[in-house]
Amino acid sequence: MPTQHSFFKAITILAALTYIQIATSCPTVTTEAITNVAKINIISGGNIREFVPHILKNHQTYASHRNYDYRYFNHSVFADYLGHLRPHWLKVLALENQLNQNLQDGSWLIWLDDDVLINDFKQTESIFSRYIHTYSTPENCLLVTADCDEHTLLNTGVLMFRVSECARDIVEQWWSLRPKKSNCHHDEQAKLIDFFYHNTKPSIRVVPQRDNDFNMNTFMAKDTSRDCFARKDDYVTQPAGASESEKNSVIPKKAELIFNHYLLSSYKHDYQTDTQNLNFSLAFMQSDYIDSDYIDNATVGSIIISLFLAGTTTFYIIVFY
């Protein structure tokens, strides 16, 4: 006996097939040009764990949306150099690698841990650009957020480097502080904190995780009372302190919700002057994603409402059990 799910999908596809013209191109969203924004490059890396493909999809979608370059470094690339070191040290080698490539001085190189999710698709200016404009000065070349732990100065989940000799010097000295024996879970973070305290130059600036409508690298938690904890629609978040199984559960769901909402807004934008193709595309998008375990009721509702209200003469029959 057909399920409600399969019936709903069949009805949606049938509605889509009432249109003659088929939209074959993928949706794109163009953002308004921002003046005086230096080029931004984003990198990430780590071991390919169960949740990482969802992170990659999130990062790549965001980079494409913002027209940023993006690269992911697999742990195996630097395995010989890392040796006994914990995987967290990969970020230092990846940063060193990119800072010594052909990136233009004055541009920005941003590191994201491979459990960091981005939900920054609506604002004209990206959250990274806004942080850079607000907090960077000629004296500093690294912006890094604070940490929820009041005894921990900073968190290395998100690092924003201005490409410069200053940045190359920080990364070189950071790598030189690597331990002979790596036992501490976040020893790479501890070593950057040591460098911060012993560095006489104001090259590193610790920025807040939340400042009015700004937020960066907030921590996913059930409690949202503290500014460092993630709230709905925060721009850049991570499940700090979560176990591997918790990340495998939470990240795919949240990543897919972000992507579904982005996809919906993309189609609306792409076909805002072409009602027929908009409805056709929305219907097929719904048929593609109706089987997803991650799509939420708000997204489904938005799509159905769009199908009904976009002004076509097509007659839709939606049956709910």
C-alpha atoms as a PDB file:
ATOM      1  CA  MET A   1       0.000   0.000   0.000  1.00  0.00           C
ATOM      2  CA  PRO A   2       1.531   3.380  -0.960  1.00  0.00           C
ATOM      3  CA  THR A   3       2.710   5.543   1.898  1.00  0.00           C
ATOM      4  CA  GLN A   4       1.782   9.167   2.451  1.00  0.00           C
ATOM      5  CA  HIS A   5       5.375  10.056   1.609  1.00  0.00           C
ATOM      6  CA  SER A   6       5.362   8.297  -1.772  1.00  0.00           C
ATOM      7  CA  PHE A   7       1.883   9.585  -2.610  1.00  0.00           C
ATOM      8  CA  PHE A   8       2.906  13.159  -1.854  1.00  0.00           C
ATOM      9  CA  LYS A   9       5.974  12.757  -4.011  1.00  0.00           C
ATOM     10  CA  ALA A  10       3.955  11.311  -6.899  1.00  0.00           C
ATOM     11  CA  ILE A  11       1.453  14.179  -6.775  1.00  0.00           C
ATOM     12  CA  THR A  12       4.280  16.722  -6.719  1.00  0.00           C
ATOM     13  CA  ILE A  13       5.981  15.209  -9.770  1.00  0.00           C
ATOM     14  CA  LEU A  14       2.659  15.012 -11.603  1.00  0.00           C
ATOM     15  CA  ALA A  15       2.133  18.719 -10.951  1.00  0.00           C
ATOM     16  CA  ALA A  16       5.580  19.475 -12.297  1.00  0.00           C
ATOM     17  CA  LEU A  17       4.945  17.518 -15.475  1.00  0.00           C
ATOM     18  CA  THR A  18       2.023  19.770 -16.391  1.00  0.00           C
ATOM     19  CA  TYR A  19       4.570  22.343 -17.527  1.00  0.00           C
ATOM     20  CA  ILE A  20       5.912  22.211 -21.042  1.00  0.00           C
ATOM     21  CA  GLN A  21       9.276  23.881 -20.577  1.00  0.00           C
ATOM     22  CA  ILE A  22      11.900  22.123 -18.482  1.00  0.00           C
ATOM     23  CA  ALA A  23      14.469  24.165 -16.579  1.00  0.00           C
ATOM     24  CA  THR A  24      17.831  22.473 -17.000  1.00  0.00           C
ATOM     25  CA  SER A  25      20.221  24.953 -15.440  1.00  0.00           C
ATOM     26  CA  CYS A  26      21.212  24.933 -11.763  1.00  0.00           C
ATOM     27  CA  PRO A  27      20.103  27.896  -9.652  1.00  0.00           C
ATOM     28  CA  THR A  28      22.628  30.611  -8.979  1.00  0.00           C
ATOM     29  CA  VAL A  29      22.484  33.537  -6.627  1.00  0.00           C
ATOM     30  CA  THR A  30      24.447  36.663  -7.342  1.00  0.00           C
ATOM     31  CA  THR A  31      25.218  39.002  -4.508  1.00  0.00           C
ATOM     32  CA  GLU A  32      25.572  42.718  -4.836  1.00  0.00           C
ATOM     33  CA  ALA A  33      29.178  43.779  -5.328  1.00  0.00           C
ATOM     34  CA  ILE A  34      30.823  45.011  -2.170  1.00  0.00           C
ATOM     35  CA  THR A  35      33.420  47.699  -2.579  1.00  0.00           C
ATOM     36  CA  ASN A  36      36.788  47.621  -0.834  1.00  0.00           C
ATOM     37  CA  VAL A  37      36.565  43.938   0.044  1.00  0.00           C
ATOM     38  CA  ALA A  38      39.859  42.096  -0.276  1.00  0.00           C
ATOM     39  CA  LYS A  39      39.882  38.661  -1.887  1.00  0.00           C
ATOM     40  CA  ILE A  40      38.899  35.887   0.539  1.00  0.00           C
ATOM     41  CA  ASN A  41      40.106  32.293   0.318  1.00  0.00           C
ATOM     42  CA  ILE A  42      38.762  29.520   2.560  1.00  0.00           C
ATOM     43  CA  ILE A  43      40.496  26.270   3.454  1.00  0.00           C
ATOM     44  CA  SER A  44      39.645  23.345   5.696  1.00  0.00           C
ATOM     45  CA  GLY A  45      40.903  19.847   6.277  1.00  0.00           C
ATOM     46  CA  GLY A  46      41.064  16.737   8.415  1.00  0.00           C
ATOM     47  CA  ASN A  47      40.162  13.069   8.331  1.00  0.00           C
ATOM     48  CA  ILE A  48      37.228  12.007   6.180  1.00  0.00           C
ATOM     49  CA  ARG A  49      34.836  11.009   8.940  1.00  0.00           C
ATOM     50  CA  GLU A  50      31.164  10.135   8.593  1.00  0.00           C
ATOM     51  CA  PHE A  51      29.869  13.714   8.897  1.00  0.00           C
ATOM     52  CA  VAL A  52      32.588  15.402   6.824  1.00  0.00           C
ATOM     53  CA  PRO A  53      30.900  15.035   3.379  1.00  0.00           C
ATOM     54  CA  HIS A  54      28.037  17.144   4.745  1.00  0.00           C
ATOM     55  CA  ILE A  55      30.530  19.788   5.869  1.00  0.00           C
ATOM     56  CA  LEU A  56      32.223  19.757   2.468  1.00  0.00           C
ATOM     57  CA  LYS A  57      28.891  20.273   0.734  1.00  0.00           C
ATOM     58  CA  ASN A  58      28.138  23.169   3.087  1.00  0.00           C
ATOM     59  CA  HIS A  59      31.539  24.823   2.585  1.00  0.00           C
ATOM     60  CA  GLN A  60      31.574  24.339  -1.188  1.00  0.00           C
ATOM     61  CA  THR A  61      28.038  25.688  -1.579  1.00  0.00           C
ATOM     62  CA  TYR A  62      28.955  28.731   0.484  1.00  0.00           C
ATOM     63  CA  ALA A  63      32.208  29.352  -1.401  1.00  0.00           C
ATOM     64  CA  SER A  64      30.372  29.154  -4.720  1.00  0.00           C
ATOM     65  CA  HIS A  65      27.648  31.490  -3.436  1.00  0.00           C
ATOM     66  CA  ARG A  66      30.205  34.070  -2.295  1.00  0.00           C
ATOM     67  CA  ASN A  67      32.626  33.526  -5.174  1.00  0.00           C
ATOM     68  CA  TYR A  68      35.401  32.497  -2.770  1.00  0.00           C
ATOM     69  CA  ASP A  69      38.110  29.963  -3.493  1.00  0.00           C
ATOM     70  CA  TYR A  70      37.825  26.838  -1.350  1.00  0.00           C
ATOM     71  CA  ARG A  71      40.150  23.904  -0.739  1.00  0.00           C
ATOM     72  CA  TYR A  72      39.964  20.913   1.578  1.00  0.00           C
ATOM     73  CA  PHE A  73      43.175  19.179   2.745  1.00  0.00           C
ATOM     74  CA  ASN A  74      42.947  15.492   3.535  1.00  0.00           C
ATOM     75  CA  HIS A  75      45.019  14.379   6.505  1.00  0.00           C
ATOM     76  CA  SER A  76      46.925  11.946   4.277  1.00  0.00           C
ATOM     77  CA  VAL A  77      48.499  14.847   2.363  1.00  0.00           C
ATOM     78  CA  PHE A  78      50.545  15.849   5.408  1.00  0.00           C
ATOM     79  CA  ALA A  79      50.713  12.477   7.176  1.00  0.00           C
ATOM     80  CA  ASP A  80      54.506  12.197   6.846  1.00  0.00           C
ATOM     81  CA  TYR A  81      55.008  15.670   8.336  1.00  0.00           C
ATOM     82  CA  LEU A  82      52.494  15.212  11.131  1.00  0.00           C
ATOM     83  CA  GLY A  83      53.927  11.941  12.375  1.00  0.00           C
ATOM     84  CA  HIS A  84      52.905  11.530  16.038  1.00  0.00           C
ATOM     85  CA  LEU A  85      51.054  14.848  16.158  1.00  0.00           C
ATOM     86  CA  ARG A  86      47.297  14.944  16.556  1.00  0.00           C
ATOM     87  CA  PRO A  87      45.224  15.735  13.425  1.00  0.00           C
ATOM     88  CA  HIS A  88      44.534  19.268  14.722  1.00  0.00           C
ATOM     89  CA  TRP A  89      48.070  20.235  13.682  1.00  0.00           C
ATOM     90  CA  LEU A  90      47.105  19.729  10.048  1.00  0.00           C
ATOM     91  CA  LYS A  91      45.647  23.239  10.042  1.00  0.00           C
ATOM     92  CA  VAL A  92      49.064  24.761  10.705  1.00  0.00           C
ATOM     93  CA  LEU A  93      50.652  22.919   7.774  1.00  0.00           C
ATOM     94  CA  ALA A  94      47.727  23.728   5.480  1.00  0.00           C
ATOM     95  CA  LEU A  95      47.939  27.416   6.404  1.00  0.00           C
ATOM     96  CA  GLU A  96      51.688  27.432   5.881  1.00  0.00           C
ATOM     97  CA  ASN A  97      51.238  25.765   2.509  1.00  0.00           C
ATOM     98  CA  GLN A  98      48.695  28.316   1.303  1.00  0.00           C
ATOM     99  CA  LEU A  99      50.402  31.393   2.736  1.00  0.00           C
ATOM    100  CA  ASN A 100      53.496  30.483   0.747  1.00  0.00           C
ATOM    101  CA  GLN A 101      51.586  29.968  -2.497  1.00  0.00           C
ATOM    102  CA  ASN A 102      50.641  32.721  -4.905  1.00  0.00           C
ATOM    103  CA  LEU A 103      48.036  34.396  -2.713  1.00  0.00           C
ATOM    104  CA  GLN A 104      48.183  38.153  -3.013  1.00  0.00           C
ATOM    105  CA  ASP A 105      49.412  40.004   0.051  1.00  0.00           C
ATOM    106  CA  GLY A 106      46.512  41.898   1.561  1.00  0.00           C
ATOM    107  CA  SER A 107      43.996  39.191   0.671  1.00  0.00           C
ATOM    108  CA  TRP A 108      42.540  36.973   3.395  1.00  0.00           C
ATOM    109  CA  LEU A 109      43.014  33.295   4.089  1.00  0.00           C
ATOM    110  CA  ILE A 110      40.392  31.729   6.375  1.00  0.00           C
ATOM    111  CA  TRP A 111      40.723  28.358   8.075  1.00  0.00           C
ATOM    112  CA  LEU A 112      37.568  26.457   9.106  1.00  0.00           C
ATOM    113  CA  ASP A 113      37.675  23.277  11.171  1.00  0.00           C
ATOM    114  CA  ASP A 114      35.981  20.382   9.412  1.00  0.00           C
ATOM    115  CA  ASP A 115      33.026  20.457  11.807  1.00  0.00           C
ATOM    116  CA  VAL A 116      32.227  24.155  11.280  1.00  0.00           C
ATOM    117  CA  LEU A 117      28.913  24.924   9.550  1.00  0.00           C
ATOM    118  CA  ILE A 118      28.137  28.131   7.666  1.00  0.00           C
ATOM    119  CA  ASN A 119      24.654  29.641   7.383  1.00  0.00           C
ATOM    120  CA  ASP A 120      25.524  32.977   5.777  1.00  0.00           C
ATOM    121  CA  PHE A 121      23.621  33.152   2.502  1.00  0.00           C
ATOM    122  CA  LYS A 122      21.161  36.013   3.027  1.00  0.00           C
ATOM    123  CA  GLN A 123      23.263  39.081   3.825  1.00  0.00           C
ATOM    124  CA  THR A 124      24.771  41.042   0.955  1.00  0.00           C
ATOM    125  CA  GLU A 125      28.121  41.282   2.695  1.00  0.00           C
ATOM    126  CA  SER A 126      29.498  38.054   4.102  1.00  0.00           C
ATOM    127  CA  ILE A 127      30.003  37.623   7.837  1.00  0.00           C
ATOM    128  CA  PHE A 128      33.733  37.105   7.264  1.00  0.00           C
ATOM    129  CA  SER A 129      33.999  40.379   5.394  1.00  0.00           C
ATOM    130  CA  ARG A 130      32.011  42.142   8.118  1.00  0.00           C
ATOM    131  CA  TYR A 131      34.329  40.821  10.829  1.00  0.00           C
ATOM    132  CA  ILE A 132      37.369  41.869   8.814  1.00  0.00           C
ATOM    133  CA  HIS A 133      35.995  45.368   8.258  1.00  0.00           C
ATOM    134  CA  THR A 134      35.040  45.751  11.903  1.00  0.00           C
ATOM    135  CA  TYR A 135      37.982  44.289  13.771  1.00  0.00           C
ATOM    136  CA  SER A 136      41.101  44.221  11.593  1.00  0.00           C
ATOM    137  CA  THR A 137      43.724  46.950  11.893  1.00  0.00           C
ATOM    138  CA  PRO A 138      47.027  47.517  10.069  1.00  0.00           C
ATOM    139  CA  GLU A 139      48.813  46.164  13.133  1.00  0.00           C
ATOM    140  CA  ASN A 140      47.177  42.739  13.267  1.00  0.00           C
ATOM    141  CA  CYS A 141      47.175  39.974  10.672  1.00  0.00           C
ATOM    142  CA  LEU A 142      45.178  37.301  12.493  1.00  0.00           C
ATOM    143  CA  LEU A 143      41.619  37.517  13.776  1.00  0.00           C
ATOM    144  CA  VAL A 144      40.552  34.634  15.998  1.00  0.00           C
ATOM    145  CA  THR A 145      37.432  34.291  18.119  1.00  0.00           C
ATOM    146  CA  ALA A 146      37.248  33.920  21.860  1.00  0.00           C
ATOM    147  CA  ASP A 147      36.215  30.627  23.465  1.00  0.00           C
ATOM    148  CA  CYS A 148      33.234  29.708  25.646  1.00  0.00           C
ATOM    149  CA  ASP A 149      35.634  28.541  28.333  1.00  0.00           C
ATOM    150  CA  GLU A 150      36.556  31.651  30.307  1.00  0.00           C
ATOM    151  CA  HIS A 151      39.937  30.067  31.104  1.00  0.00           C
ATOM    152  CA  THR A 152      40.727  29.617  27.397  1.00  0.00           C
ATOM    153  CA  LEU A 153      41.745  32.769  25.579  1.00  0.00           C
ATOM    154  CA  LEU A 154      40.793  31.778  22.050  1.00  0.00           C
ATOM    155  CA  ASN A 155      39.414  29.030  19.832  1.00  0.00           C
ATOM    156  CA  THR A 156      41.173  27.925  16.658  1.00  0.00           C
ATOM    157  CA  GLY A 157      38.059  26.548  14.921  1.00  0.00           C
ATOM    158  CA  VAL A 158      37.970  29.679  12.735  1.00  0.00           C
ATOM    159  CA  LEU A 159      41.141  31.608  11.864  1.00  0.00           C
ATOM    160  CA  MET A 160      41.198  34.702   9.646  1.00  0.00           C
ATOM    161  CA  PHE A 161      44.678  35.593   8.350  1.00  0.00           C
ATOM    162  CA  ARG A 162      45.547  38.634   6.289  1.00  0.00           C
ATOM    163  CA  VAL A 163      48.080  37.295   3.811  1.00  0.00           C
ATOM    164  CA  SER A 164      51.338  38.986   4.741  1.00  0.00           C
ATOM    165  CA  GLU A 165      54.807  38.409   6.116  1.00  0.00           C
ATOM    166  CA  CYS A 166      53.240  38.875   9.539  1.00  0.00           C
ATOM    167  CA  ALA A 167      50.892  35.927   8.923  1.00  0.00           C
ATOM    168  CA  ARG A 168      53.682  33.729   7.590  1.00  0.00           C
ATOM    169  CA  ASP A 169      55.752  34.523  10.670  1.00  0.00           C
ATOM    170  CA  ILE A 170      52.909  33.564  13.051  1.00  0.00           C
ATOM    171  CA  VAL A 171      52.337  30.223  11.338  1.00  0.00           C
ATOM    172  CA  GLU A 172      56.057  29.441  11.165  1.00  0.00           C
ATOM    173  CA  GLN A 173      56.533  30.127  14.864  1.00  0.00           C
ATOM    174  CA  TRP A 174      53.329  28.264  15.723  1.00  0.00           C
ATOM    175  CA  TRP A 175      54.622  25.160  13.944  1.00  0.00           C
ATOM    176  CA  SER A 176      57.973  25.477  15.728  1.00  0.00           C
ATOM    177  CA  LEU A 177      56.115  25.135  19.060  1.00  0.00           C
ATOM    178  CA  ARG A 178      54.717  21.689  18.199  1.00  0.00           C
ATOM    179  CA  PRO A 179      55.306  19.172  21.004  1.00  0.00           C
ATOM    180  CA  LYS A 180      57.723  16.269  20.768  1.00  0.00           C
ATOM    181  CA  LYS A 181      54.977  14.104  22.208  1.00  0.00           C
ATOM    182  CA  SER A 182      51.377  15.048  21.487  1.00  0.00           C
ATOM    183  CA  ASN A 183      49.021  13.976  24.256  1.00  0.00           C
ATOM    184  CA  CYS A 184      46.730  16.955  24.787  1.00  0.00           C
ATOM    185  CA  HIS A 185      43.533  17.010  22.712  1.00  0.00           C
ATOM    186  CA  HIS A 186      43.887  20.672  21.732  1.00  0.00           C
ATOM    187  CA  ASP A 187      47.617  21.205  22.103  1.00  0.00           C
ATOM    188  CA  GLU A 188      47.772  23.166  18.831  1.00  0.00           C
ATOM    189  CA  GLN A 189      45.311  25.680  20.335  1.00  0.00           C
ATOM    190  CA  ALA A 190      47.308  25.845  23.564  1.00  0.00           C
ATOM    191  CA  LYS A 191      50.490  26.570  21.610  1.00  0.00           C
ATOM    192  CA  LEU A 192      48.874  29.460  19.731  1.00  0.00           C
ATOM    193  CA  ILE A 193      47.740  30.865  23.087  1.00  0.00           C
ATOM    194  CA  ASP A 194      51.334  30.566  24.354  1.00  0.00           C
ATOM    195  CA  PHE A 195      52.529  32.429  21.284  1.00  0.00           C
ATOM    196  CA  PHE A 196      49.926  35.149  21.873  1.00  0.00           C
ATOM    197  CA  TYR A 197      51.072  35.746  25.455  1.00  0.00           C
ATOM    198  CA  HIS A 198      54.769  35.798  24.581  1.00  0.00           C
ATOM    199  CA  ASN A 199      54.482  37.823  21.384  1.00  0.00           C
ATOM    200  CA  THR A 200      55.329  41.478  21.887  1.00  0.00           C
ATOM    201  CA  LYS A 201      53.663  42.587  18.634  1.00  0.00           C
ATOM    202  CA  PRO A 202      49.864  43.135  18.419  1.00  0.00           C
ATOM    203  CA  SER A 203      49.649  40.787  15.433  1.00  0.00           C
ATOM    204  CA  ILE A 204      46.808  38.638  16.832  1.00  0.00           C
ATOM    205  CA  ARG A 205      43.437  40.076  17.768  1.00  0.00           C
ATOM    206  CA  VAL A 206      40.880  38.047  19.704  1.00  0.00           C
ATOM    207  CA  VAL A 207      37.379  38.991  18.581  1.00  0.00           C
ATOM    208  CA  PRO A 208      34.042  38.232  20.299  1.00  0.00           C
ATOM    209  CA  GLN A 209      31.939  35.274  19.242  1.00  0.00           C
ATOM    210  CA  ARG A 210      28.914  37.543  19.378  1.00  0.00           C
ATOM    211  CA  ASP A 211      28.634  41.315  19.145  1.00  0.00           C
ATOM    212  CA  ASN A 212      25.122  42.682  18.519  1.00  0.00           C
ATOM    213  CA  ASP A 213      24.082  41.241  15.130  1.00  0.00           C
ATOM    214  CA  PHE A 214      27.554  39.791  14.531  1.00  0.00           C
ATOM    215  CA  ASN A 215      28.368  36.213  15.432  1.00  0.00           C
ATOM    216  CA  MET A 216      31.205  33.896  14.538  1.00  0.00           C
ATOM    217  CA  ASN A 217      32.219  30.423  15.701  1.00  0.00           C
ATOM    218  CA  THR A 218      29.450  30.055  18.277  1.00  0.00           C
ATOM    219  CA  PHE A 219      29.097  26.667  19.946  1.00  0.00           C
ATOM    220  CA  MET A 220      26.080  24.429  19.388  1.00  0.00           C
ATOM    221  CA  ALA A 221      24.422  23.699  22.744  1.00  0.00           C
ATOM    222  CA  LYS A 222      20.936  23.241  24.171  1.00  0.00           C
ATOM    223  CA  ASP A 223      21.545  26.241  26.408  1.00  0.00           C
ATOM    224  CA  THR A 224      21.493  29.523  24.475  1.00  0.00           C
ATOM    225  CA  SER A 225      21.723  31.868  27.458  1.00  0.00           C
ATOM    226  CA  ARG A 226      25.377  32.737  26.928  1.00  0.00           C
ATOM    227  CA  ASP A 227      26.555  34.789  23.970  1.00  0.00           C
ATOM    228  CA  CYS A 228      29.057  32.128  22.981  1.00  0.00           C
ATOM    229  CA  PHE A 229      26.332  29.516  22.473  1.00  0.00           C
ATOM    230  CA  ALA A 230      24.747  29.177  19.053  1.00  0.00           C
ATOM    231  CA  ARG A 231      21.274  30.517  18.429  1.00  0.00           C
ATOM    232  CA  LYS A 232      18.923  29.995  15.532  1.00  0.00           C
ATOM    233  CA  ASP A 233      20.269  31.449  12.286  1.00  0.00           C
ATOM    234  CA  ASP A 234      23.776  32.108  13.616  1.00  0.00           C
ATOM    235  CA  TYR A 235      26.195  32.516  10.731  1.00  0.00           C
ATOM    236  CA  VAL A 236      29.121  30.248  11.678  1.00  0.00           C
ATOM    237  CA  THR A 237      28.755  27.504  14.284  1.00  0.00           C
ATOM    238  CA  GLN A 238      30.509  24.371  15.492  1.00  0.00           C
ATOM    239  CA  PRO A 239      29.602  21.472  17.824  1.00  0.00           C
ATOM    240  CA  ALA A 240      32.505  22.125  20.177  1.00  0.00           C
ATOM    241  CA  GLY A 241      32.991  19.420  22.744  1.00  0.00           C
ATOM    242  CA  ALA A 242      30.582  17.019  21.047  1.00  0.00           C
ATOM    243  CA  SER A 243      31.449  13.354  20.689  1.00  0.00           C
ATOM    244  CA  GLU A 244      31.946  11.764  17.285  1.00  0.00           C
ATOM    245  CA  SER A 245      28.542  10.061  17.480  1.00  0.00           C
ATOM    246  CA  GLU A 246      26.867  13.351  18.415  1.00  0.00           C
ATOM    247  CA  LYS A 247      28.493  15.072  15.438  1.00  0.00           C
ATOM    248  CA  ASN A 248      27.375  12.240  13.155  1.00  0.00           C
ATOM    249  CA  SER A 249      23.828  12.844  14.358  1.00  0.00           C
ATOM    250  CA  VAL A 250      23.653  16.638  14.475  1.00  0.00           C
ATOM    251  CA  ILE A 251      25.795  17.867  11.582  1.00  0.00           C
ATOM    252  CA  PRO A 252      24.054  16.072   8.673  1.00  0.00           C
ATOM    253  CA  LYS A 253      20.629  17.306   9.811  1.00  0.00           C
ATOM    254  CA  LYS A 254      21.691  20.903  10.297  1.00  0.00           C
ATOM    255  CA  ALA A 255      23.742  20.963   7.092  1.00  0.00           C
ATOM    256  CA  GLU A 256      20.826  19.660   5.043  1.00  0.00           C
ATOM    257  CA  LEU A 257      18.418  22.192   6.528  1.00  0.00           C
ATOM    258  CA  ILE A 258      20.802  25.009   5.613  1.00  0.00           C
ATOM    259  CA  PHE A 259      21.136  23.658   2.082  1.00  0.00           C
ATOM    260  CA  ASN A 260      17.371  23.209   1.607  1.00  0.00           C
ATOM    261  CA  HIS A 261      16.637  26.794   2.631  1.00  0.00           C
ATOM    262  CA  TYR A 262      19.448  28.059   0.416  1.00  0.00           C
ATOM    263  CA  LEU A 263      18.155  26.030  -2.525  1.00  0.00           C
ATOM    264  CA  LEU A 264      14.648  27.384  -2.094  1.00  0.00           C
ATOM    265  CA  SER A 265      15.833  31.001  -1.997  1.00  0.00           C
ATOM    266  CA  SER A 266      18.062  30.329  -5.021  1.00  0.00           C
ATOM    267  CA  TYR A 267      15.175  29.119  -7.146  1.00  0.00           C
ATOM    268  CA  LYS A 268      13.001  32.020  -6.087  1.00  0.00           C
ATOM    269  CA  HIS A 269      15.746  34.446  -7.075  1.00  0.00           C
ATOM    270  CA  ASP A 270      16.609  32.743 -10.355  1.00  0.00           C
ATOM    271  CA  TYR A 271      13.050  32.643 -11.640  1.00  0.00           C
ATOM    272  CA  GLN A 272      11.592  35.746 -10.054  1.00  0.00           C
ATOM    273  CA  THR A 273      10.522  37.018 -13.497  1.00  0.00           C
ATOM    274  CA  ASP A 274       9.663  33.587 -14.899  1.00  0.00           C
ATOM    275  CA  THR A 275       6.766  32.221 -12.886  1.00  0.00           C
ATOM    276  CA  GLN A 276       6.275  29.064 -14.942  1.00  0.00           C
ATOM    277  CA  ASN A 277       9.856  27.880 -14.626  1.00  0.00           C
ATOM    278  CA  LEU A 278       9.924  28.853 -10.977  1.00  0.00           C
ATOM    279  CA  ASN A 279       6.987  26.610 -10.198  1.00  0.00           C
ATOM    280  CA  PHE A 280       8.290  23.783 -12.339  1.00  0.00           C
ATOM    281  CA  SER A 281      11.688  23.925 -10.634  1.00  0.00           C
ATOM    282  CA  LEU A 282      10.210  24.175  -7.161  1.00  0.00           C
ATOM    283  CA  ALA A 283       8.042  21.153  -7.826  1.00  0.00           C
ATOM    284  CA  PHE A 284      10.980  19.074  -8.967  1.00  0.00           C
ATOM    285  CA  MET A 285      13.106  20.339  -6.094  1.00  0.00           C
ATOM    286  CA  GLN A 286      10.366  19.179  -3.752  1.00  0.00           C
ATOM    287  CA  SER A 287      10.273  15.758  -5.403  1.00  0.00           C
ATOM    288  CA  ASP A 288      14.054  15.478  -5.001  1.00  0.00           C
ATOM    289  CA  TYR A 289      14.071  16.411  -1.336  1.00  0.00           C
ATOM    290  CA  ILE A 290      10.775  15.086  -0.024  1.00  0.00           C
ATOM    291  CA  ASP A 291      12.491  11.804   0.888  1.00  0.00           C
ATOM    292  CA  SER A 292      15.201  13.562   2.894  1.00  0.00           C
ATOM    293  CA  ASP A 293      15.199  12.862   6.605  1.00  0.00           C
ATOM    294  CA  TYR A 294      16.486  16.375   7.171  1.00  0.00           C
ATOM    295  CA  ILE A 295      13.950  18.584   5.438  1.00  0.00           C
ATOM    296  CA  ASP A 296      11.829  20.494   7.933  1.00  0.00           C
ATOM    297  CA  ASN A 297       8.151  21.383   7.858  1.00  0.00           C
ATOM    298  CA  ALA A 298       8.897  25.055   7.289  1.00  0.00           C
ATOM    299  CA  THR A 299      10.766  24.275   4.067  1.00  0.00           C
ATOM    300  CA  VAL A 300       8.039  21.942   2.814  1.00  0.00           C
ATOM    301  CA  GLY A 301       5.418  24.532   3.653  1.00  0.00           C
ATOM    302  CA  SER A 302       7.316  27.308   1.902  1.00  0.00           C
ATOM    303  CA  ILE A 303       7.618  25.259  -1.264  1.00  0.00           C
ATOM    304  CA  ILE A 304       3.951  24.301  -1.312  1.00  0.00           C
ATOM    305  CA  ILE A 305       2.859  27.882  -0.676  1.00  0.00           C
ATOM    306  CA  SER A 306       5.142  29.068  -3.485  1.00  0.00           C
ATOM    307  CA  LEU A 307       3.578  26.533  -5.825  1.00  0.00           C
ATOM    308  CA  PHE A 308       0.084  27.744  -4.993  1.00  0.00           C
ATOM    309  CA  LEU A 309       0.681  31.480  -4.922  1.00  0.00           C
ATOM    310  CA  ALA A 310       3.052  32.091  -7.821  1.00  0.00           C
ATOM    311  CA  GLY A 311       0.147  32.887 -10.135  1.00  0.00           C
ATOM    312  CA  THR A 312      -0.033  30.029 -12.632  1.00  0.00           C
ATOM    313  CA  THR A 313      -3.186  28.469 -14.030  1.00  0.00           C
ATOM    314  CA  THR A 314      -2.101  24.945 -13.159  1.00  0.00           C
ATOM    315  CA  PHE A 315      -4.433  23.116 -10.820  1.00  0.00           C
ATOM    316  CA  TYR A 316      -2.735  21.313  -7.945  1.00  0.00           C
ATOM    317  CA  ILE A 317      -4.349  18.643  -5.827  1.00  0.00           C
ATOM    318  CA  ILE A 318      -2.493  18.005  -2.559  1.00  0.00           C
ATOM    319  CA  VAL A 319      -4.018  15.255  -0.463  1.00  0.00           C
ATOM    320  CA  PHE A 320      -3.068  14.935   3.197  1.00  0.00           C
ATOM    321  CA  TYR A 321      -3.895  11.847   5.191  1.00  0.00           C
END
